[in-house]
Amino acid sequence: MDLGVQIEPQFGFAFDELVAIANDAERAGFTRYWVSDHFFLDPDSMATSCFEAWTLLAALAVRTRSIRIGSMVTAQSYRNPALLAKIAAGVDVMSGGRLEFGLGAGWKDFEYRAYGYEFPSAADRVTQMNECLEICTRMWSEDRATYRGKHYRIDDALCAPKPVQRPLPVWIGGKMPRVMRSAARSAHWFNLGGGVGARGPEAVAAAMRQLDEICRAVKRDPKTLGRSVFLGCTVGADRKRADELVTQVVAERGSDGASWLAARPGYIAGAPQEALARLRAFGRIGIAHVNLQLQPFGTEREQIAALAEIAPALR
């Protein structure tokens, strides 16, 4: 198992801070640095900074050296699929072949409305995601690509330069069966999100068994699809500091630490060795990558320093 760090730019991070977190994660032995794909936090947001995901990834491509970078996950309907293919190919080239291409169906309806995007049904959004991925993979591999789907089409589309990586690693994220089917058919990795990880290893194991069944149904060996899970995390250099940080997290939610954590048996909290034990429980059920959202926001660098103690042991 290895570790990634998930950053949510809509919470107001400064650019230099985003770069510093990425470089800290790189030095600490994290393998991947993920950013979410959003435009603003919530309907009440006013002046909170939020860097657009692919602009940020392009900057990170030249401000980091070895850590892999990606969006977990790109909302497919925010960009024309052919343009997204071009953007991703360019970022892969600029990073020297370190891009992880994460794709999802999109969900944040008020962002769609604010920016003038149509917000189709969930079923249509998944179909659009599948068509988007088909267009991207064709443009990355063919001299000129043509595709006509229900929602999207391209005619003799050119993508130059091509990605450095052949193939470019594709991740699909979500929790619903139809999204799992998309991953089983077309992705290299599936990232389980939607709060399932917070329910603990047993809930994740059940989802992985469902994913296995879906893989077999589409004639794919389940072992060939990488497994990842999204987990919340609050780790301190020692237990005292971890407890202080947890208190900050739950205070923002109007709860107390013990009951809040009890309702989230999969949440990673405590000193580094406690975190190691919790993470290994996910490794035992076949999770090869854990994507950590470090809370409270603003303590990412401190927690990455604490997790540096255990990252080599996991790998």
Protein backbone atom coordinates (compact mmCIF):
# COMPACT_ATOMS: atom_id res chain seq x y z
CA MET A 1 0.00 0.00 0.00
CA ASP A 2 1.07 3.57 -0.63
CA LEU A 3 -0.33 6.94 0.33
CA GLY A 4 -1.68 9.94 -1.51
CA VAL A 5 -2.85 13.28 -0.18
CA GLN A 6 -6.13 14.82 -1.32
CA ILE A 7 -6.36 18.60 -1.43
CA GLU A 8 -9.64 20.51 -1.77
CA PRO A 9 -8.67 23.88 -3.31
CA GLN A 10 -12.16 25.28 -2.68
CA PHE A 11 -11.34 25.61 1.02
CA GLY A 12 -9.21 28.65 0.28
CA PHE A 13 -5.61 27.46 -0.14
CA ALA A 14 -3.02 29.94 -1.38
CA PHE A 15 -0.99 28.81 -4.38
CA ASP A 16 2.36 28.77 -2.55
CA GLU A 17 0.74 26.67 0.18
CA LEU A 18 -0.51 24.12 -2.38
CA VAL A 19 2.99 23.81 -3.84
CA ALA A 20 4.59 23.50 -0.39
CA ILE A 21 2.19 20.71 0.61
CA ALA A 22 3.00 18.85 -2.62
CA ASN A 23 6.74 19.14 -2.05
CA ASP A 24 6.41 18.04 1.58
CA ALA A 25 4.37 15.00 0.48
CA GLU A 26 7.00 14.19 -2.13
CA ARG A 27 9.80 14.25 0.45
CA ALA A 28 7.74 12.25 2.97
CA GLY A 29 7.26 9.32 0.59
CA PHE A 30 3.70 9.94 -0.56
CA THR A 31 3.28 8.64 -4.10
CA ARG A 32 0.46 10.87 -5.33
CA TYR A 33 -0.90 14.39 -4.86
CA TRP A 34 -4.57 14.75 -5.74
CA VAL A 35 -6.69 17.87 -6.17
CA SER A 36 -10.48 18.03 -6.36
CA ASP A 37 -12.21 19.57 -9.37
CA HIS A 38 -14.47 22.34 -8.09
CA PHE A 39 -15.06 26.02 -8.74
CA PHE A 40 -16.16 27.20 -5.29
CA LEU A 41 -17.06 25.70 -1.94
CA ASP A 42 -20.78 26.27 -1.43
CA PRO A 43 -23.62 28.64 -2.39
CA ASP A 44 -22.60 31.06 0.39
CA SER A 45 -18.99 31.39 -0.79
CA MET A 46 -17.89 34.91 -1.63
CA ALA A 47 -14.15 35.61 -1.86
CA THR A 48 -12.74 32.21 -0.83
CA SER A 49 -9.89 31.32 -3.16
CA CYS A 50 -10.35 28.19 -5.31
CA PHE A 51 -7.83 27.29 -8.00
CA GLU A 52 -9.23 25.50 -11.05
CA ALA A 53 -7.99 21.92 -11.00
CA TRP A 54 -6.25 21.56 -14.35
CA THR A 55 -4.62 24.98 -14.21
CA LEU A 56 -3.28 23.95 -10.82
CA LEU A 57 -2.07 20.56 -12.12
CA ALA A 58 -0.19 22.28 -14.95
CA ALA A 59 1.59 24.46 -12.39
CA LEU A 60 2.34 21.49 -10.13
CA ALA A 61 3.78 19.62 -13.11
CA VAL A 62 6.69 22.03 -13.17
CA ARG A 63 6.90 22.76 -9.42
CA THR A 64 7.29 19.14 -8.28
CA ARG A 65 9.86 16.51 -9.23
CA SER A 66 8.76 12.94 -8.53
CA ILE A 67 5.33 12.78 -6.92
CA ARG A 68 2.52 11.79 -9.26
CA ILE A 69 -0.27 14.32 -9.71
CA GLY A 70 -3.91 14.13 -10.69
CA SER A 71 -7.48 15.23 -10.15
CA MET A 72 -9.61 13.04 -7.91
CA VAL A 73 -11.77 13.30 -9.82
CA THR A 74 -12.28 15.47 -12.88
CA ALA A 75 -15.95 16.31 -13.41
CA GLN A 76 -16.32 15.19 -17.01
CA SER A 77 -18.97 17.75 -17.96
CA TYR A 78 -16.94 20.82 -16.95
CA ARG A 79 -14.81 20.64 -20.10
CA ASN A 80 -15.35 19.54 -23.67
CA PRO A 81 -13.93 15.98 -23.80
CA ALA A 82 -11.57 16.70 -26.70
CA LEU A 83 -10.22 19.77 -24.91
CA LEU A 84 -9.80 17.70 -21.73
CA ALA A 85 -7.80 15.13 -23.70
CA LYS A 86 -5.50 17.89 -24.96
CA ILE A 87 -5.10 19.42 -21.49
CA ALA A 88 -4.28 16.07 -19.89
CA ALA A 89 -1.77 15.17 -22.59
CA GLY A 90 -0.01 18.51 -22.10
CA VAL A 91 0.13 18.12 -18.31
CA ASP A 92 1.57 14.61 -18.68
CA VAL A 93 4.29 15.96 -20.96
CA MET A 94 5.05 18.92 -18.66
CA SER A 95 5.31 16.59 -15.65
CA GLY A 96 7.62 14.14 -17.42
CA GLY A 97 4.99 11.39 -17.38
CA ARG A 98 3.61 11.76 -13.83
CA LEU A 99 -0.09 12.39 -14.49
CA GLU A 100 -2.84 10.16 -13.10
CA PHE A 101 -6.04 10.80 -15.06
CA GLY A 102 -8.98 10.71 -12.63
CA LEU A 103 -12.49 10.98 -14.06
CA GLY A 104 -15.95 11.10 -12.51
CA ALA A 105 -19.54 11.76 -13.53
CA GLY A 106 -19.90 15.07 -11.64
CA TRP A 107 -22.32 15.81 -8.82
CA LYS A 108 -22.14 19.37 -7.49
CA ASP A 109 -25.37 20.69 -8.97
CA PHE A 110 -25.08 24.28 -7.73
CA GLU A 111 -21.71 24.63 -9.49
CA TYR A 112 -23.35 23.47 -12.72
CA ARG A 113 -26.13 26.04 -12.35
CA ALA A 114 -23.75 28.87 -11.41
CA TYR A 115 -21.55 28.28 -14.45
CA GLY A 116 -24.37 27.68 -16.90
CA TYR A 117 -23.86 23.94 -17.40
CA GLU A 118 -26.75 21.58 -17.94
CA PHE A 119 -27.18 19.13 -15.04
CA PRO A 120 -28.53 15.91 -16.57
CA SER A 121 -29.74 12.86 -14.68
CA ALA A 122 -27.21 10.66 -12.88
CA ALA A 123 -27.62 7.99 -15.57
CA ASP A 124 -26.90 10.48 -18.35
CA ARG A 125 -23.89 11.87 -16.50
CA VAL A 126 -22.38 8.39 -16.25
CA THR A 127 -23.02 7.83 -19.98
CA GLN A 128 -21.33 11.16 -20.68
CA MET A 129 -18.37 10.09 -18.54
CA ASN A 130 -18.01 6.88 -20.55
CA GLU A 131 -18.13 8.80 -23.83
CA CYS A 132 -15.66 11.36 -22.51
CA LEU A 133 -13.20 8.61 -21.61
CA GLU A 134 -13.64 6.97 -25.01
CA ILE A 135 -12.82 10.26 -26.73
CA CYS A 136 -9.79 10.88 -24.52
CA THR A 137 -8.29 7.42 -24.97
CA ARG A 138 -8.78 7.57 -28.73
CA MET A 139 -7.16 10.98 -28.97
CA TRP A 140 -4.20 9.85 -26.87
CA SER A 141 -3.55 6.79 -29.05
CA GLU A 142 -4.72 7.58 -32.60
CA ASP A 143 -3.22 10.02 -35.10
CA ARG A 144 -6.66 11.53 -35.65
CA ALA A 145 -9.69 10.36 -33.76
CA THR A 146 -13.36 10.19 -34.71
CA TYR A 147 -16.20 9.23 -32.38
CA ARG A 148 -19.96 9.72 -32.41
CA GLY A 149 -21.81 9.06 -29.17
CA LYS A 150 -25.17 9.98 -27.73
CA HIS A 151 -23.83 13.13 -26.07
CA TYR A 152 -20.39 13.87 -27.55
CA ARG A 153 -18.71 13.63 -30.93
CA ILE A 154 -15.36 14.37 -32.50
CA ASP A 155 -14.32 14.33 -36.16
CA ASP A 156 -10.70 13.78 -37.12
CA ALA A 157 -9.54 15.32 -33.84
CA LEU A 158 -5.81 15.79 -33.39
CA CYS A 159 -3.96 15.53 -30.08
CA ALA A 160 -0.32 16.55 -30.26
CA PRO A 161 1.75 16.17 -28.24
CA LYS A 162 0.63 12.76 -27.09
CA PRO A 163 0.98 11.82 -23.42
CA VAL A 164 4.40 10.54 -22.35
CA GLN A 165 2.79 7.53 -20.69
CA ARG A 166 1.39 4.80 -22.91
CA PRO A 167 -1.17 4.20 -21.62
CA LEU A 168 -1.98 7.14 -19.42
CA PRO A 169 -3.24 5.69 -16.09
CA VAL A 170 -7.01 6.11 -15.83
CA TRP A 171 -8.80 6.30 -12.49
CA ILE A 172 -12.57 6.32 -12.07
CA GLY A 173 -13.97 7.36 -8.71
CA GLY A 174 -17.33 6.83 -7.04
CA LYS A 175 -19.35 4.20 -5.23
CA MET A 176 -22.39 3.33 -7.36
CA PRO A 177 -22.59 0.06 -9.35
CA ARG A 178 -22.80 1.78 -12.74
CA VAL A 179 -19.64 3.76 -12.02
CA MET A 180 -17.96 0.52 -10.90
CA ARG A 181 -18.96 -1.03 -14.24
CA SER A 182 -17.33 1.88 -16.06
CA ALA A 183 -14.13 1.30 -14.09
CA ALA A 184 -14.24 -2.44 -14.73
CA ARG A 185 -14.54 -1.84 -18.47
CA SER A 186 -12.17 1.06 -18.99
CA ALA A 187 -9.99 2.05 -16.02
CA HIS A 188 -6.69 0.98 -14.50
CA TRP A 189 -7.82 1.99 -10.99
CA PHE A 190 -11.05 2.44 -9.06
CA ASN A 191 -11.16 4.88 -6.15
CA LEU A 192 -13.95 4.18 -3.68
CA GLY A 193 -15.44 7.42 -2.40
CA GLY A 194 -18.83 8.60 -1.25
CA GLY A 195 -18.04 8.18 2.44
CA VAL A 196 -17.80 4.39 2.26
CA GLY A 197 -14.26 4.38 3.65
CA ALA A 198 -15.39 6.17 6.81
CA ARG A 199 -17.60 3.17 7.63
CA GLY A 200 -14.50 1.02 8.02
CA PRO A 201 -12.71 -1.93 6.42
CA GLU A 202 -15.77 -4.20 6.48
CA ALA A 203 -17.81 -1.73 4.42
CA VAL A 204 -14.91 -1.29 2.01
CA ALA A 205 -14.46 -5.06 1.74
CA ALA A 206 -18.14 -5.43 0.82
CA ALA A 207 -17.73 -2.79 -1.90
CA MET A 208 -14.63 -4.58 -3.20
CA ARG A 209 -16.54 -7.87 -3.41
CA GLN A 210 -19.20 -6.08 -5.42
CA LEU A 211 -16.48 -4.67 -7.68
CA ASP A 212 -15.06 -8.18 -8.14
CA GLU A 213 -18.46 -9.44 -9.27
CA ILE A 214 -18.82 -6.56 -11.70
CA CYS A 215 -15.36 -7.24 -13.14
CA ARG A 216 -16.24 -10.89 -13.71
CA ALA A 217 -19.54 -9.88 -15.32
CA VAL A 218 -17.67 -7.82 -17.94
CA LYS A 219 -15.06 -10.60 -18.43
CA ARG A 220 -12.25 -8.84 -16.61
CA ASP A 221 -9.91 -10.44 -14.11
CA PRO A 222 -10.63 -8.51 -10.88
CA LYS A 223 -6.93 -8.63 -9.97
CA THR A 224 -6.11 -6.36 -12.92
CA LEU A 225 -8.10 -3.40 -11.52
CA GLY A 226 -6.22 -1.40 -8.90
CA ARG A 227 -8.10 -0.57 -5.69
CA SER A 228 -7.97 2.73 -3.83
CA VAL A 229 -10.07 4.28 -1.08
CA PHE A 230 -10.68 7.84 0.03
CA LEU A 231 -10.24 8.33 3.81
CA GLY A 232 -10.39 11.23 6.21
CA CYS A 233 -7.33 11.56 8.42
CA THR A 234 -6.17 13.45 11.52
CA VAL A 235 -2.72 12.42 12.70
CA GLY A 236 -0.41 14.14 15.17
CA ALA A 237 3.22 13.58 16.05
CA ASP A 238 1.94 12.01 19.28
CA ARG A 239 -1.44 11.07 20.72
CA LYS A 240 -1.80 14.35 22.64
CA ARG A 241 -1.38 16.40 19.48
CA ALA A 242 -3.68 14.09 17.53
CA ASP A 243 -6.40 14.55 20.14
CA GLU A 244 -6.00 18.33 19.92
CA LEU A 245 -6.44 18.21 16.15
CA VAL A 246 -9.46 15.91 16.37
CA THR A 247 -11.02 18.36 18.82
CA GLN A 248 -10.62 21.09 16.21
CA VAL A 249 -12.23 18.93 13.52
CA VAL A 250 -15.28 17.98 15.56
CA ALA A 251 -15.74 21.47 17.03
CA GLU A 252 -16.40 22.70 13.51
CA ARG A 253 -19.20 20.12 13.28
CA GLY A 254 -20.76 20.70 16.69
CA SER A 255 -19.90 17.28 18.08
CA ASP A 256 -17.49 15.65 20.53
CA GLY A 257 -14.47 13.60 19.55
CA ALA A 258 -15.46 10.21 20.95
CA SER A 259 -18.93 10.04 19.39
CA TRP A 260 -17.76 11.57 16.10
CA LEU A 261 -14.99 9.00 15.70
CA ALA A 262 -17.21 6.14 16.85
CA ALA A 263 -19.57 6.94 13.96
CA ARG A 264 -16.59 6.77 11.56
CA PRO A 265 -14.66 3.56 12.28
CA GLY A 266 -12.66 3.98 9.08
CA TYR A 267 -11.39 7.45 9.93
CA ILE A 268 -7.61 7.52 10.42
CA ALA A 269 -6.88 9.27 13.72
CA GLY A 270 -4.15 9.14 16.33
CA ALA A 271 -0.37 9.01 16.52
CA PRO A 272 1.59 7.66 13.53
CA GLN A 273 1.78 4.06 14.78
CA GLU A 274 -1.97 4.05 15.45
CA ALA A 275 -2.53 5.32 11.92
CA LEU A 276 -0.26 2.57 10.60
CA ALA A 277 -2.36 -0.13 12.25
CA ARG A 278 -5.59 1.33 10.88
CA LEU A 279 -4.17 1.66 7.37
CA ARG A 280 -2.88 -1.90 7.37
CA ALA A 281 -6.44 -3.10 8.02
CA PHE A 282 -7.37 -1.66 4.63
CA GLY A 283 -4.30 -3.18 3.02
CA ARG A 284 -5.39 -6.63 4.18
CA ILE A 285 -8.57 -6.36 2.09
CA GLY A 286 -6.70 -5.49 -1.09
CA ILE A 287 -6.50 -1.69 -1.00
CA ALA A 288 -3.27 -0.71 -2.73
CA HIS A 289 -3.57 3.07 -2.45
CA VAL A 290 -5.13 5.26 0.24
CA ASN A 291 -6.06 8.80 -0.66
CA LEU A 292 -5.98 10.83 2.57
CA GLN A 293 -7.89 14.04 3.17
CA LEU A 294 -6.00 15.61 6.08
CA GLN A 295 -8.15 17.56 8.52
CA PRO A 296 -8.47 20.17 9.91
CA PHE A 297 -7.58 22.21 6.87
CA GLY A 298 -4.40 24.17 7.38
CA THR A 299 -2.58 21.34 9.19
CA GLU A 300 -1.63 19.35 6.09
CA ARG A 301 2.11 19.98 6.32
CA GLU A 302 2.22 19.09 10.02
CA GLN A 303 0.37 15.84 9.40
CA ILE A 304 2.46 14.90 6.39
CA ALA A 305 5.56 15.29 8.57
CA ALA A 306 4.01 12.93 11.14
CA LEU A 307 2.97 10.41 8.47
CA ALA A 308 6.51 10.40 7.01
CA GLU A 309 7.35 8.08 9.91
CA ILE A 310 5.08 5.33 8.58
CA ALA A 311 4.97 5.80 4.80
CA PRO A 312 8.04 3.57 4.19
CA ALA A 313 6.60 0.83 6.42
CA LEU A 314 3.43 0.72 4.35
CA ARG A 315 5.32 0.41 1.10
